[in-house]
Amino acid sequence: QVQLVESGGGLVQAGGSLRLSCAASGIFFSIAVMGWYRQAPGKERELVAQITGAGNTMYADSMKGRFTISRDNAKNMVWLQMNSLNSEDTADYYCATKWGGNDYWGQGTQVTVSS
């Protein structure tokens, strides 16, 4: 059974930072591509960043230079460090992976940036 559990969201002032965590189980984590997505109110879900098992990363253009995705394969954990947050970063953030041909999502963690 695949489980993804996010934590670390909350309320932060504009310009501040947050670190989101995702604990994964039920997959061969070290070879799984892990991603962070977000969905703002009234908007579609969008990709924030992805990281391969080998640590190769990619970011959505608006997050480059501000967000950093990382992972620890020994701990089955993936993180999203978010800096220089602004009101447009307010959203529900989801950890996700594709495994066995299926997409799996965590329950999400809410990030609210106050201006």
C-alpha atoms as a PDB file:
ATOM      1  CA  GLN A   1       0.000   0.000   0.000  1.00  0.00           C
ATOM      2  CA  VAL A   2       1.513   3.276  -1.146  1.00  0.00           C
ATOM      3  CA  GLN A   3       1.321   6.116   1.352  1.00  0.00           C
ATOM      4  CA  LEU A   4       2.570   9.660   1.049  1.00  0.00           C
ATOM      5  CA  VAL A   5       2.245  11.882   4.111  1.00  0.00           C
ATOM      6  CA  GLU A   6       3.055  15.581   3.910  1.00  0.00           C
ATOM      7  CA  SER A   7       3.786  17.938   6.761  1.00  0.00           C
ATOM      8  CA  GLY A   8       5.263  21.357   7.350  1.00  0.00           C
ATOM      9  CA  GLY A   9       2.666  23.700   5.919  1.00  0.00           C
ATOM     10  CA  GLY A  10       1.375  26.723   7.750  1.00  0.00           C
ATOM     11  CA  LEU A  11       1.043  30.482   7.795  1.00  0.00           C
ATOM     12  CA  VAL A  12       4.083  32.559   6.894  1.00  0.00           C
ATOM     13  CA  GLN A  13       4.677  36.205   6.120  1.00  0.00           C
ATOM     14  CA  ALA A  14       5.696  37.298   2.661  1.00  0.00           C
ATOM     15  CA  GLY A  15       9.427  36.951   2.243  1.00  0.00           C
ATOM     16  CA  GLY A  16       9.572  34.092   4.701  1.00  0.00           C
ATOM     17  CA  SER A  17      10.448  30.424   4.331  1.00  0.00           C
ATOM     18  CA  LEU A  18       8.865  27.048   4.934  1.00  0.00           C
ATOM     19  CA  ARG A  19      10.111  23.496   4.581  1.00  0.00           C
ATOM     20  CA  LEU A  20       7.644  20.835   3.556  1.00  0.00           C
ATOM     21  CA  SER A  21       8.271  17.164   4.250  1.00  0.00           C
ATOM     22  CA  CYS A  22       6.881  14.028   2.650  1.00  0.00           C
ATOM     23  CA  ALA A  23       7.261  10.552   4.117  1.00  0.00           C
ATOM     24  CA  ALA A  24       6.778   7.756   1.605  1.00  0.00           C
ATOM     25  CA  SER A  25       6.055   4.074   2.111  1.00  0.00           C
ATOM     26  CA  GLY A  26       4.971   1.130   0.005  1.00  0.00           C
ATOM     27  CA  ILE A  27       7.322   1.899  -2.885  1.00  0.00           C
ATOM     28  CA  PHE A  28      10.911   1.150  -3.808  1.00  0.00           C
ATOM     29  CA  PHE A  29      11.713   4.717  -2.839  1.00  0.00           C
ATOM     30  CA  SER A  30      15.270   4.945  -4.114  1.00  0.00           C
ATOM     31  CA  ILE A  31      14.148   4.539  -7.725  1.00  0.00           C
ATOM     32  CA  ALA A  32      10.884   6.477  -7.537  1.00  0.00           C
ATOM     33  CA  VAL A  33      10.572   9.901  -9.096  1.00  0.00           C
ATOM     34  CA  MET A  34       9.039  12.143  -6.458  1.00  0.00           C
ATOM     35  CA  GLY A  35       7.253  15.384  -7.107  1.00  0.00           C
ATOM     36  CA  TRP A  36       5.719  18.325  -5.340  1.00  0.00           C
ATOM     37  CA  TYR A  37       2.597  19.881  -6.798  1.00  0.00           C
ATOM     38  CA  ARG A  38       0.388  22.697  -5.641  1.00  0.00           C
ATOM     39  CA  GLN A  39      -3.145  23.859  -6.162  1.00  0.00           C
ATOM     40  CA  ALA A  40      -4.165  27.416  -5.419  1.00  0.00           C
ATOM     41  CA  PRO A  41      -7.813  28.358  -4.823  1.00  0.00           C
ATOM     42  CA  GLY A  42      -9.683  28.438  -8.118  1.00  0.00           C
ATOM     43  CA  LYS A  43      -6.693  27.189 -10.089  1.00  0.00           C
ATOM     44  CA  GLU A  44      -5.567  23.885 -11.528  1.00  0.00           C
ATOM     45  CA  ARG A  45      -2.983  21.743  -9.837  1.00  0.00           C
ATOM     46  CA  GLU A  46       0.523  22.504 -11.097  1.00  0.00           C
ATOM     47  CA  LEU A  47       3.929  20.930 -10.856  1.00  0.00           C
ATOM     48  CA  VAL A  48       6.341  22.645  -8.489  1.00  0.00           C
ATOM     49  CA  ALA A  49       9.404  20.396  -8.661  1.00  0.00           C
ATOM     50  CA  GLN A  50      10.519  16.828  -9.278  1.00  0.00           C
ATOM     51  CA  ILE A  51      13.490  14.778  -8.191  1.00  0.00           C
ATOM     52  CA  THR A  52      14.695  11.427  -9.503  1.00  0.00           C
ATOM     53  CA  GLY A  53      16.092   8.650  -7.376  1.00  0.00           C
ATOM     54  CA  ALA A  54      19.563   9.734  -8.413  1.00  0.00           C
ATOM     55  CA  GLY A  55      18.862  13.290  -7.275  1.00  0.00           C
ATOM     56  CA  ASN A  56      18.316  14.993 -10.604  1.00  0.00           C
ATOM     57  CA  THR A  57      15.905  17.869 -10.211  1.00  0.00           C
ATOM     58  CA  MET A  58      13.611  20.016 -12.280  1.00  0.00           C
ATOM     59  CA  TYR A  59      11.546  23.035 -11.329  1.00  0.00           C
ATOM     60  CA  ALA A  60       8.674  25.035 -12.677  1.00  0.00           C
ATOM     61  CA  ASP A  61       9.988  28.346 -13.968  1.00  0.00           C
ATOM     62  CA  SER A  62       8.340  30.475 -11.290  1.00  0.00           C
ATOM     63  CA  MET A  63       9.979  28.412  -8.522  1.00  0.00           C
ATOM     64  CA  LYS A  64      13.532  28.353  -9.858  1.00  0.00           C
ATOM     65  CA  GLY A  65      15.944  29.975  -7.459  1.00  0.00           C
ATOM     66  CA  ARG A  66      13.413  30.104  -4.624  1.00  0.00           C
ATOM     67  CA  PHE A  67      12.455  26.463  -4.054  1.00  0.00           C
ATOM     68  CA  THR A  68      14.714  23.466  -3.532  1.00  0.00           C
ATOM     69  CA  ILE A  69      13.614  19.850  -3.672  1.00  0.00           C
ATOM     70  CA  SER A  70      15.733  17.206  -1.957  1.00  0.00           C
ATOM     71  CA  ARG A  71      15.461  13.631  -0.778  1.00  0.00           C
ATOM     72  CA  ASP A  72      17.025  11.050   1.503  1.00  0.00           C
ATOM     73  CA  ASN A  73      16.642   7.558   0.062  1.00  0.00           C
ATOM     74  CA  ALA A  74      17.693   5.939   3.338  1.00  0.00           C
ATOM     75  CA  LYS A  75      14.824   7.657   5.151  1.00  0.00           C
ATOM     76  CA  ASN A  76      12.209   7.508   2.372  1.00  0.00           C
ATOM     77  CA  MET A  77      11.801  11.264   2.688  1.00  0.00           C
ATOM     78  CA  VAL A  78      11.517  14.125   0.256  1.00  0.00           C
ATOM     79  CA  TRP A  79      11.518  17.820   1.161  1.00  0.00           C
ATOM     80  CA  LEU A  80      10.634  21.099  -0.440  1.00  0.00           C
ATOM     81  CA  GLN A  81      12.474  24.127   0.904  1.00  0.00           C
ATOM     82  CA  MET A  82      10.585  27.271  -0.041  1.00  0.00           C
ATOM     83  CA  ASN A  83      12.217  30.687   0.311  1.00  0.00           C
ATOM     84  CA  SER A  84      11.152  34.230  -0.561  1.00  0.00           C
ATOM     85  CA  LEU A  85       7.523  33.240  -0.380  1.00  0.00           C
ATOM     86  CA  ASN A  86       4.883  35.567  -1.736  1.00  0.00           C
ATOM     87  CA  SER A  87       1.103  35.607  -1.812  1.00  0.00           C
ATOM     88  CA  GLU A  88       1.044  33.747  -5.118  1.00  0.00           C
ATOM     89  CA  ASP A  89       2.596  30.754  -3.372  1.00  0.00           C
ATOM     90  CA  THR A  90      -0.521  30.335  -1.227  1.00  0.00           C
ATOM     91  CA  ALA A  91      -1.862  26.879  -2.078  1.00  0.00           C
ATOM     92  CA  ASP A  92      -2.307  23.309  -0.979  1.00  0.00           C
ATOM     93  CA  TYR A  93       0.926  21.446  -1.618  1.00  0.00           C
ATOM     94  CA  TYR A  94       0.954  17.763  -2.506  1.00  0.00           C
ATOM     95  CA  CYS A  95       3.625  15.106  -2.620  1.00  0.00           C
ATOM     96  CA  ALA A  96       3.193  12.692  -5.507  1.00  0.00           C
ATOM     97  CA  THR A  97       4.724   9.772  -7.323  1.00  0.00           C
ATOM     98  CA  LYS A  98       3.918   7.354 -10.104  1.00  0.00           C
ATOM     99  CA  TRP A  99       4.349   3.698  -9.163  1.00  0.00           C
ATOM    100  CA  GLY A 100       3.221   0.552 -10.892  1.00  0.00           C
ATOM    101  CA  GLY A 101       1.466   2.621 -13.528  1.00  0.00           C
ATOM    102  CA  ASN A 102      -0.623   4.484 -10.968  1.00  0.00           C
ATOM    103  CA  ASP A 103      -0.413   8.040  -9.664  1.00  0.00           C
ATOM    104  CA  TYR A 104      -0.306   8.460  -5.903  1.00  0.00           C
ATOM    105  CA  TRP A 105      -0.908  11.643  -3.943  1.00  0.00           C
ATOM    106  CA  GLY A 106      -0.598  12.655  -0.360  1.00  0.00           C
ATOM    107  CA  GLN A 107      -3.400  14.371   1.501  1.00  0.00           C
ATOM    108  CA  GLY A 108      -1.797  17.766   1.024  1.00  0.00           C
ATOM    109  CA  THR A 109      -0.515  20.446   3.354  1.00  0.00           C
ATOM    110  CA  GLN A 110      -1.746  24.011   3.273  1.00  0.00           C
ATOM    111  CA  VAL A 111       0.599  26.948   2.827  1.00  0.00           C
ATOM    112  CA  THR A 112      -0.707  30.454   3.373  1.00  0.00           C
ATOM    113  CA  VAL A 113       1.475  33.475   2.718  1.00  0.00           C
ATOM    114  CA  SER A 114       0.304  36.712   4.255  1.00  0.00           C
ATOM    115  CA  SER A 115       1.285  40.020   2.713  1.00  0.00           C
END
